[in-house]
Amino acid sequence: MPIVFSMPNRNILLSNHKVAQVLNANNVREATRITHLSEFVSAIIDWFRGGTHKKEIIALFHALQESQHGATEMSDQRRLEKFTQL
């Protein structure tokens, strides 16, 4: 079942698998990795539309990470707390 995230001036629709991938990612590359054929097709369509979907996934990843002082990793408990705040 897809999940819609609403952020200021943004809405993003992600599958459960993609949400779990972003939550478990330690860096942007892991968060945006293409793991299914449907994601590959969506990435091609997104590329023609200017890459907005990928930018939204990156923004979601950064919203879940502590970006202060260059910290790019956080504990699973802290990541879950930030996710539930969204």
PDB file of N, CA and C in Angstrom:
ATOM      1  N   MET A   1       0.845  -1.176   0.000  1.00  0.00           N
ATOM      2  CA  MET A   1       0.000   0.000   0.000  1.00  0.00           C
ATOM      3  C   MET A   1       0.892   1.241   0.000  1.00  0.00           C
ATOM      4  N   PRO A   2       0.701   2.141  -0.924  1.00  0.00           N
ATOM      5  CA  PRO A   2       1.522   3.351  -0.974  1.00  0.00           C
ATOM      6  C   PRO A   2       1.261   4.279   0.210  1.00  0.00           C
ATOM      7  N   ILE A   3       2.277   5.026   0.561  1.00  0.00           N
ATOM      8  CA  ILE A   3       2.197   5.982   1.655  1.00  0.00           C
ATOM      9  C   ILE A   3       2.482   7.364   1.087  1.00  0.00           C
ATOM     10  N   VAL A   4       1.663   8.342   1.461  1.00  0.00           N
ATOM     11  CA  VAL A   4       1.848   9.719   1.004  1.00  0.00           C
ATOM     12  C   VAL A   4       2.453  10.523   2.147  1.00  0.00           C
ATOM     13  N   PHE A   5       3.569  11.187   1.866  1.00  0.00           N
ATOM     14  CA  PHE A   5       4.201  12.072   2.835  1.00  0.00           C
ATOM     15  C   PHE A   5       3.923  13.497   2.414  1.00  0.00           C
ATOM     16  N   SER A   6       3.452  14.291   3.337  1.00  0.00           N
ATOM     17  CA  SER A   6       3.204  15.703   3.068  1.00  0.00           C
ATOM     18  C   SER A   6       4.229  16.521   3.826  1.00  0.00           C
ATOM     19  N   MET A   7       5.018  17.264   3.076  1.00  0.00           N
ATOM     20  CA  MET A   7       5.980  18.179   3.650  1.00  0.00           C
ATOM     21  C   MET A   7       5.608  19.554   3.110  1.00  0.00           C
ATOM     22  N   PRO A   8       6.124  20.608   3.686  1.00  0.00           N
ATOM     23  CA  PRO A   8       5.763  21.944   3.187  1.00  0.00           C
ATOM     24  C   PRO A   8       5.979  22.063   1.675  1.00  0.00           C
ATOM     25  N   ASN A   9       4.919  22.367   0.968  1.00  0.00           N
ATOM     26  CA  ASN A   9       4.918  22.547  -0.491  1.00  0.00           C
ATOM     27  C   ASN A   9       5.293  21.281  -1.250  1.00  0.00           C
ATOM     28  N   ARG A  10       5.215  20.107  -0.613  1.00  0.00           N
ATOM     29  CA  ARG A  10       5.607  18.875  -1.276  1.00  0.00           C
ATOM     30  C   ARG A  10       4.687  17.737  -0.867  1.00  0.00           C
ATOM     31  N   ASN A  11       4.406  16.849  -1.789  1.00  0.00           N
ATOM     32  CA  ASN A  11       3.732  15.592  -1.520  1.00  0.00           C
ATOM     33  C   ASN A  11       4.495  14.513  -2.260  1.00  0.00           C
ATOM     34  N   ILE A  12       4.726  13.405  -1.594  1.00  0.00           N
ATOM     35  CA  ILE A  12       5.458  12.313  -2.221  1.00  0.00           C
ATOM     36  C   ILE A  12       4.732  11.008  -1.930  1.00  0.00           C
ATOM     37  N   LEU A  13       4.580  10.183  -2.941  1.00  0.00           N
ATOM     38  CA  LEU A  13       3.912   8.894  -2.835  1.00  0.00           C
ATOM     39  C   LEU A  13       4.972   7.806  -2.943  1.00  0.00           C
ATOM     40  N   LEU A  14       5.110   6.990  -1.893  1.00  0.00           N
ATOM     41  CA  LEU A  14       6.110   5.931  -1.869  1.00  0.00           C
ATOM     42  C   LEU A  14       5.477   4.600  -1.490  1.00  0.00           C
ATOM     43  N   SER A  15       6.025   3.524  -2.033  1.00  0.00           N
ATOM     44  CA  SER A  15       5.576   2.186  -1.650  1.00  0.00           C
ATOM     45  C   SER A  15       6.138   1.841  -0.277  1.00  0.00           C
ATOM     46  N   ASN A  16       5.569   0.834   0.353  1.00  0.00           N
ATOM     47  CA  ASN A  16       6.075   0.388   1.651  1.00  0.00           C
ATOM     48  C   ASN A  16       7.533  -0.016   1.562  1.00  0.00           C
ATOM     49  N   HIS A  17       7.894  -0.668   0.465  1.00  0.00           N
ATOM     50  CA  HIS A  17       9.276  -1.099   0.278  1.00  0.00           C
ATOM     51  C   HIS A  17      10.225   0.106   0.225  1.00  0.00           C
ATOM     52  N   LYS A  18       9.831   1.140  -0.506  1.00  0.00           N
ATOM     53  CA  LYS A  18      10.697   2.316  -0.638  1.00  0.00           C
ATOM     54  C   LYS A  18      10.814   3.056   0.689  1.00  0.00           C
ATOM     55  N   VAL A  19       9.724   3.112   1.452  1.00  0.00           N
ATOM     56  CA  VAL A  19       9.769   3.749   2.766  1.00  0.00           C
ATOM     57  C   VAL A  19      10.752   3.011   3.665  1.00  0.00           C
ATOM     58  N   ALA A  20      10.673   1.680   3.665  1.00  0.00           N
ATOM     59  CA  ALA A  20      11.596   0.888   4.479  1.00  0.00           C
ATOM     60  C   ALA A  20      13.028   1.094   4.017  1.00  0.00           C
ATOM     61  N   GLN A  21      13.233   1.214   2.718  1.00  0.00           N
ATOM     62  CA  GLN A  21      14.570   1.443   2.179  1.00  0.00           C
ATOM     63  C   GLN A  21      15.124   2.791   2.647  1.00  0.00           C
ATOM     64  N   VAL A  22      14.312   3.831   2.603  1.00  0.00           N
ATOM     65  CA  VAL A  22      14.761   5.161   3.037  1.00  0.00           C
ATOM     66  C   VAL A  22      15.023   5.161   4.545  1.00  0.00           C
ATOM     67  N   LEU A  23      14.162   4.499   5.302  1.00  0.00           N
ATOM     68  CA  LEU A  23      14.350   4.442   6.753  1.00  0.00           C
ATOM     69  C   LEU A  23      15.634   3.718   7.144  1.00  0.00           C
ATOM     70  N   ASN A  24      15.993   2.675   6.410  1.00  0.00           N
ATOM     71  CA  ASN A  24      17.159   1.867   6.748  1.00  0.00           C
ATOM     72  C   ASN A  24      18.440   2.365   6.101  1.00  0.00           C
ATOM     73  N   ALA A  25      18.354   3.373   5.259  1.00  0.00           N
ATOM     74  CA  ALA A  25      19.527   3.878   4.543  1.00  0.00           C
ATOM     75  C   ALA A  25      20.445   4.662   5.473  1.00  0.00           C
ATOM     76  N   ASN A  26      21.741   4.488   5.249  1.00  0.00           N
ATOM     77  CA  ASN A  26      22.737   5.249   5.994  1.00  0.00           C
ATOM     78  C   ASN A  26      23.268   6.431   5.200  1.00  0.00           C
ATOM     79  N   ASN A  27      22.958   6.464   3.903  1.00  0.00           N
ATOM     80  CA  ASN A  27      23.378   7.588   3.079  1.00  0.00           C
ATOM     81  C   ASN A  27      22.386   7.762   1.929  1.00  0.00           C
ATOM     82  N   VAL A  28      22.538   8.830   1.193  1.00  0.00           N
ATOM     83  CA  VAL A  28      21.600   9.159   0.112  1.00  0.00           C
ATOM     84  C   VAL A  28      21.628   8.096  -0.981  1.00  0.00           C
ATOM     85  N   ARG A  29      22.797   7.572  -1.255  1.00  0.00           N
ATOM     86  CA  ARG A  29      22.911   6.549  -2.307  1.00  0.00           C
ATOM     87  C   ARG A  29      22.057   5.329  -1.972  1.00  0.00           C
ATOM     88  N   GLU A  30      22.092   4.885  -0.717  1.00  0.00           N
ATOM     89  CA  GLU A  30      21.262   3.749  -0.305  1.00  0.00           C
ATOM     90  C   GLU A  30      19.783   4.099  -0.369  1.00  0.00           C
ATOM     91  N   ALA A  31      19.429   5.327  -0.024  1.00  0.00           N
ATOM     92  CA  ALA A  31      18.026   5.742  -0.019  1.00  0.00           C
ATOM     93  C   ALA A  31      17.441   5.812  -1.425  1.00  0.00           C
ATOM     94  N   THR A  32      18.262   6.141  -2.406  1.00  0.00           N
ATOM     95  CA  THR A  32      17.764   6.320  -3.770  1.00  0.00           C
ATOM     96  C   THR A  32      18.071   5.127  -4.680  1.00  0.00           C
ATOM     97  N   ARG A  33      18.625   4.066  -4.122  1.00  0.00           N
ATOM     98  CA  ARG A  33      18.973   2.885  -4.923  1.00  0.00           C
ATOM     99  C   ARG A  33      17.714   2.284  -5.563  1.00  0.00           C
ATOM    100  N   ILE A  34      17.844   1.870  -6.808  1.00  0.00           N
ATOM    101  CA  ILE A  34      16.742   1.240  -7.540  1.00  0.00           C
ATOM    102  C   ILE A  34      16.856  -0.269  -7.333  1.00  0.00           C
ATOM    103  N   THR A  35      15.816  -0.869  -6.746  1.00  0.00           N
ATOM    104  CA  THR A  35      15.869  -2.294  -6.426  1.00  0.00           C
ATOM    105  C   THR A  35      14.809  -3.124  -7.144  1.00  0.00           C
ATOM    106  N   HIS A  36      13.854  -2.498  -7.757  1.00  0.00           N
ATOM    107  CA  HIS A  36      12.795  -3.219  -8.463  1.00  0.00           C
ATOM    108  C   HIS A  36      12.635  -2.655  -9.872  1.00  0.00           C
ATOM    109  N   LEU A  37      12.098  -3.469 -10.756  1.00  0.00           N
ATOM    110  CA  LEU A  37      11.865  -3.039 -12.130  1.00  0.00           C
ATOM    111  C   LEU A  37      10.918  -1.842 -12.176  1.00  0.00           C
ATOM    112  N   SER A  38       9.903  -1.851 -11.315  1.00  0.00           N
ATOM    113  CA  SER A  38       8.954  -0.734 -11.308  1.00  0.00           C
ATOM    114  C   SER A  38       9.643   0.570 -10.906  1.00  0.00           C
ATOM    115  N   GLU A  39      10.618   0.482  -9.989  1.00  0.00           N
ATOM    116  CA  GLU A  39      11.371   1.678  -9.611  1.00  0.00           C
ATOM    117  C   GLU A  39      12.232   2.163 -10.772  1.00  0.00           C
ATOM    118  N   PHE A  40      12.750   1.234 -11.565  1.00  0.00           N
ATOM    119  CA  PHE A  40      13.549   1.602 -12.730  1.00  0.00           C
ATOM    120  C   PHE A  40      12.708   2.367 -13.742  1.00  0.00           C
ATOM    121  N   VAL A  41      11.512   1.862 -14.012  1.00  0.00           N
ATOM    122  CA  VAL A  41      10.602   2.536 -14.951  1.00  0.00           C
ATOM    123  C   VAL A  41      10.216   3.908 -14.396  1.00  0.00           C
ATOM    124  N   SER A  42       9.911   3.970 -13.095  1.00  0.00           N
ATOM    125  CA  SER A  42       9.561   5.248 -12.472  1.00  0.00           C
ATOM    126  C   SER A  42      10.720   6.233 -12.534  1.00  0.00           C
ATOM    127  N   ALA A  43      11.949   5.724 -12.381  1.00  0.00           N
ATOM    128  CA  ALA A  43      13.126   6.595 -12.446  1.00  0.00           C
ATOM    129  C   ALA A  43      13.294   7.200 -13.834  1.00  0.00           C
ATOM    130  N   ILE A  44      13.010   6.415 -14.871  1.00  0.00           N
ATOM    131  CA  ILE A  44      13.098   6.937 -16.239  1.00  0.00           C
ATOM    132  C   ILE A  44      12.053   8.021 -16.454  1.00  0.00           C
ATOM    133  N   ILE A  45      10.824   7.751 -16.032  1.00  0.00           N
ATOM    134  CA  ILE A  45       9.758   8.753 -16.167  1.00  0.00           C
ATOM    135  C   ILE A  45      10.106   9.997 -15.362  1.00  0.00           C
ATOM    136  N   ASP A  46      10.633   9.807 -14.139  1.00  0.00           N
ATOM    137  CA  ASP A  46      11.022  10.929 -13.291  1.00  0.00           C
ATOM    138  C   ASP A  46      12.131  11.747 -13.945  1.00  0.00           C
ATOM    139  N   TRP A  47      13.066  11.082 -14.603  1.00  0.00           N
ATOM    140  CA  TRP A  47      14.157  11.791 -15.262  1.00  0.00           C
ATOM    141  C   TRP A  47      13.605  12.730 -16.335  1.00  0.00           C
ATOM    142  N   PHE A  48      12.609  12.261 -17.099  1.00  0.00           N
ATOM    143  CA  PHE A  48      12.000  13.113 -18.118  1.00  0.00           C
ATOM    144  C   PHE A  48      11.219  14.266 -17.506  1.00  0.00           C
ATOM    145  N   ARG A  49      10.771  14.103 -16.273  1.00  0.00           N
ATOM    146  CA  ARG A  49      10.031  15.160 -15.581  1.00  0.00           C
ATOM    147  C   ARG A  49      10.933  16.063 -14.748  1.00  0.00           C
ATOM    148  N   GLY A  50      12.230  15.912 -14.874  1.00  0.00           N
ATOM    149  CA  GLY A  50      13.156  16.801 -14.181  1.00  0.00           C
ATOM    150  C   GLY A  50      13.705  16.260 -12.881  1.00  0.00           C
ATOM    151  N   GLY A  51      13.463  15.000 -12.568  1.00  0.00           N
ATOM    152  CA  GLY A  51      14.033  14.387 -11.376  1.00  0.00           C
ATOM    153  C   GLY A  51      13.400  14.805 -10.067  1.00  0.00           C
ATOM    154  N   THR A  52      12.154  15.252 -10.107  1.00  0.00           N
ATOM    155  CA  THR A  52      11.525  15.750  -8.877  1.00  0.00           C
ATOM    156  C   THR A  52      11.266  14.650  -7.859  1.00  0.00           C
ATOM    157  N   HIS A  53      10.916  13.448  -8.300  1.00  0.00           N
ATOM    158  CA  HIS A  53      10.643  12.351  -7.363  1.00  0.00           C
ATOM    159  C   HIS A  53      11.909  11.969  -6.609  1.00  0.00           C
ATOM    160  N   LYS A  54      13.037  11.889  -7.302  1.00  0.00           N
ATOM    161  CA  LYS A  54      14.306  11.566  -6.641  1.00  0.00           C
ATOM    162  C   LYS A  54      14.675  12.662  -5.647  1.00  0.00           C
ATOM    163  N   LYS A  55      14.442  13.913  -6.022  1.00  0.00           N
ATOM    164  CA  LYS A  55      14.735  15.018  -5.107  1.00  0.00           C
ATOM    165  C   LYS A  55      13.884  14.921  -3.848  1.00  0.00           C
ATOM    166  N   GLU A  56      12.642  14.476  -3.994  1.00  0.00           N
ATOM    167  CA  GLU A  56      11.755  14.333  -2.840  1.00  0.00           C
ATOM    168  C   GLU A  56      12.220  13.202  -1.931  1.00  0.00           C
ATOM    169  N   ILE A  57      12.708  12.119  -2.507  1.00  0.00           N
ATOM    170  CA  ILE A  57      13.241  11.021  -1.700  1.00  0.00           C
ATOM    171  C   ILE A  57      14.474  11.491  -0.941  1.00  0.00           C
ATOM    172  N   ILE A  58      15.313  12.254  -1.586  1.00  0.00           N
ATOM    173  CA  ILE A  58      16.498  12.799  -0.916  1.00  0.00           C
ATOM    174  C   ILE A  58      16.083  13.742   0.205  1.00  0.00           C
ATOM    175  N   ALA A  59      15.073  14.577  -0.042  1.00  0.00           N
ATOM    176  CA  ALA A  59      14.584  15.490   1.001  1.00  0.00           C
ATOM    177  C   ALA A  59      14.012  14.706   2.176  1.00  0.00           C
ATOM    178  N   LEU A  60      13.294  13.625   1.899  1.00  0.00           N
ATOM    179  CA  LEU A  60      12.761  12.785   2.974  1.00  0.00           C
ATOM    180  C   LEU A  60      13.891  12.147   3.758  1.00  0.00           C
ATOM    181  N   PHE A  61      14.908  11.666   3.064  1.00  0.00           N
ATOM    182  CA  PHE A  61      16.065  11.076   3.734  1.00  0.00           C
ATOM    183  C   PHE A  61      16.713  12.091   4.668  1.00  0.00           C
ATOM    184  N   HIS A  62      16.927  13.309   4.177  1.00  0.00           N
ATOM    185  CA  HIS A  62      17.557  14.338   4.997  1.00  0.00           C
ATOM    186  C   HIS A  62      16.664  14.760   6.162  1.00  0.00           C
ATOM    187  N   ALA A  63      15.347  14.721   5.962  1.00  0.00           N
ATOM    188  CA  ALA A  63      14.433  15.040   7.060  1.00  0.00           C
ATOM    189  C   ALA A  63      14.531  13.999   8.163  1.00  0.00           C
ATOM    190  N   LEU A  64      14.857  12.763   7.784  1.00  0.00           N
ATOM    191  CA  LEU A  64      14.983  11.699   8.770  1.00  0.00           C
ATOM    192  C   LEU A  64      16.367  11.661   9.421  1.00  0.00           C
ATOM    193  N   GLN A  65      17.320  12.288   8.822  1.00  0.00           N
ATOM    194  CA  GLN A  65      18.687  12.296   9.347  1.00  0.00           C
ATOM    195  C   GLN A  65      18.956  13.576  10.127  1.00  0.00           C
ATOM    196  N   GLU A  66      19.865  13.498  11.032  1.00  0.00           N
ATOM    197  CA  GLU A  66      20.286  14.714  11.719  1.00  0.00           C
ATOM    198  C   GLU A  66      21.329  15.381  10.840  1.00  0.00           C
ATOM    199  N   SER A  67      20.985  16.538  10.313  1.00  0.00           N
ATOM    200  CA  SER A  67      21.872  17.198   9.367  1.00  0.00           C
ATOM    201  C   SER A  67      22.801  18.217  10.017  1.00  0.00           C
ATOM    202  N   GLN A  68      22.673  18.404  11.309  1.00  0.00           N
ATOM    203  CA  GLN A  68      23.523  19.376  11.986  1.00  0.00           C
ATOM    204  C   GLN A  68      24.934  18.818  12.150  1.00  0.00           C
ATOM    205  N   HIS A  69      25.890  19.644  11.941  1.00  0.00           N
ATOM    206  CA  HIS A  69      27.308  19.330  12.139  1.00  0.00           C
ATOM    207  C   HIS A  69      27.776  18.177  11.267  1.00  0.00           C
ATOM    208  N   GLY A  70      27.131  17.986  10.127  1.00  0.00           N
ATOM    209  CA  GLY A  70      27.574  16.977   9.177  1.00  0.00           C
ATOM    210  C   GLY A  70      27.286  15.547   9.583  1.00  0.00           C
ATOM    211  N   ALA A  71      26.482  15.322  10.606  1.00  0.00           N
ATOM    212  CA  ALA A  71      26.168  13.950  11.015  1.00  0.00           C
ATOM    213  C   ALA A  71      25.271  13.310   9.963  1.00  0.00           C
ATOM    214  N   THR A  72      25.670  12.136   9.472  1.00  0.00           N
ATOM    215  CA  THR A  72      24.883  11.466   8.442  1.00  0.00           C
ATOM    216  C   THR A  72      24.329  10.136   8.920  1.00  0.00           C
ATOM    217  N   GLU A  73      24.664   9.724  10.141  1.00  0.00           N
ATOM    218  CA  GLU A  73      24.146   8.465  10.653  1.00  0.00           C
ATOM    219  C   GLU A  73      23.475   8.707  11.992  1.00  0.00           C
ATOM    220  N   MET A  74      22.473   7.917  12.313  1.00  0.00           N
ATOM    221  CA  MET A  74      21.809   8.018  13.603  1.00  0.00           C
ATOM    222  C   MET A  74      21.310   6.643  14.003  1.00  0.00           C
ATOM    223  N   SER A  75      20.985   6.486  15.261  1.00  0.00           N
ATOM    224  CA  SER A  75      20.512   5.197  15.740  1.00  0.00           C
ATOM    225  C   SER A  75      19.133   4.884  15.170  1.00  0.00           C
ATOM    226  N   ASP A  76      18.787   3.595  15.179  1.00  0.00           N
ATOM    227  CA  ASP A  76      17.487   3.184  14.663  1.00  0.00           C
ATOM    228  C   ASP A  76      16.347   3.798  15.468  1.00  0.00           C
ATOM    229  N   GLN A  77      16.531   3.909  16.773  1.00  0.00           N
ATOM    230  CA  GLN A  77      15.484   4.487  17.612  1.00  0.00           C
ATOM    231  C   GLN A  77      15.257   5.953  17.260  1.00  0.00           C
ATOM    232  N   ARG A  78      16.317   6.721  17.087  1.00  0.00           N
ATOM    233  CA  ARG A  78      16.203   8.144  16.730  1.00  0.00           C
ATOM    234  C   ARG A  78      15.572   8.295  15.350  1.00  0.00           C
ATOM    235  N   ARG A  79      15.942   7.424  14.411  1.00  0.00           N
ATOM    236  CA  ARG A  79      15.387   7.464  13.057  1.00  0.00           C
ATOM    237  C   ARG A  79      13.879   7.202  13.104  1.00  0.00           C
ATOM    238  N   LEU A  80      13.453   6.231  13.929  1.00  0.00           N
ATOM    239  CA  LEU A  80      12.038   5.926  14.066  1.00  0.00           C
ATOM    240  C   LEU A  80      11.282   7.102  14.677  1.00  0.00           C
ATOM    241  N   GLU A  81      11.867   7.772  15.659  1.00  0.00           N
ATOM    242  CA  GLU A  81      11.233   8.944  16.279  1.00  0.00           C
ATOM    243  C   GLU A  81      11.018  10.053  15.246  1.00  0.00           C
ATOM    244  N   LYS A  82      12.019  10.309  14.416  1.00  0.00           N
ATOM    245  CA  LYS A  82      11.890  11.362  13.399  1.00  0.00           C
ATOM    246  C   LYS A  82      10.869  10.958  12.350  1.00  0.00           C
ATOM    247  N   PHE A  83      10.778   9.665  12.008  1.00  0.00           N
ATOM    248  CA  PHE A  83       9.799   9.202  11.049  1.00  0.00           C
ATOM    249  C   PHE A  83       8.388   9.393  11.566  1.00  0.00           C
ATOM    250  N   THR A  84       8.163   9.088  12.829  1.00  0.00           N
ATOM    251  CA  THR A  84       6.819   9.232  13.381  1.00  0.00           C
ATOM    252  C   THR A  84       6.423  10.703  13.508  1.00  0.00           C
ATOM    253  N   GLN A  85       7.393  11.593  13.585  1.00  0.00           N
ATOM    254  CA  GLN A  85       7.100  13.022  13.626  1.00  0.00           C
ATOM    255  C   GLN A  85       6.556  13.528  12.301  1.00  0.00           C
ATOM    256  N   LEU A  86       6.914  12.852  11.204  1.00  0.00           N
ATOM    257  CA  LEU A  86       6.425  13.278   9.892  1.00  0.00           C
ATOM    258  C   LEU A  86       4.954  12.980   9.803  1.00  0.00           C
TER     259      LEU A  86
END
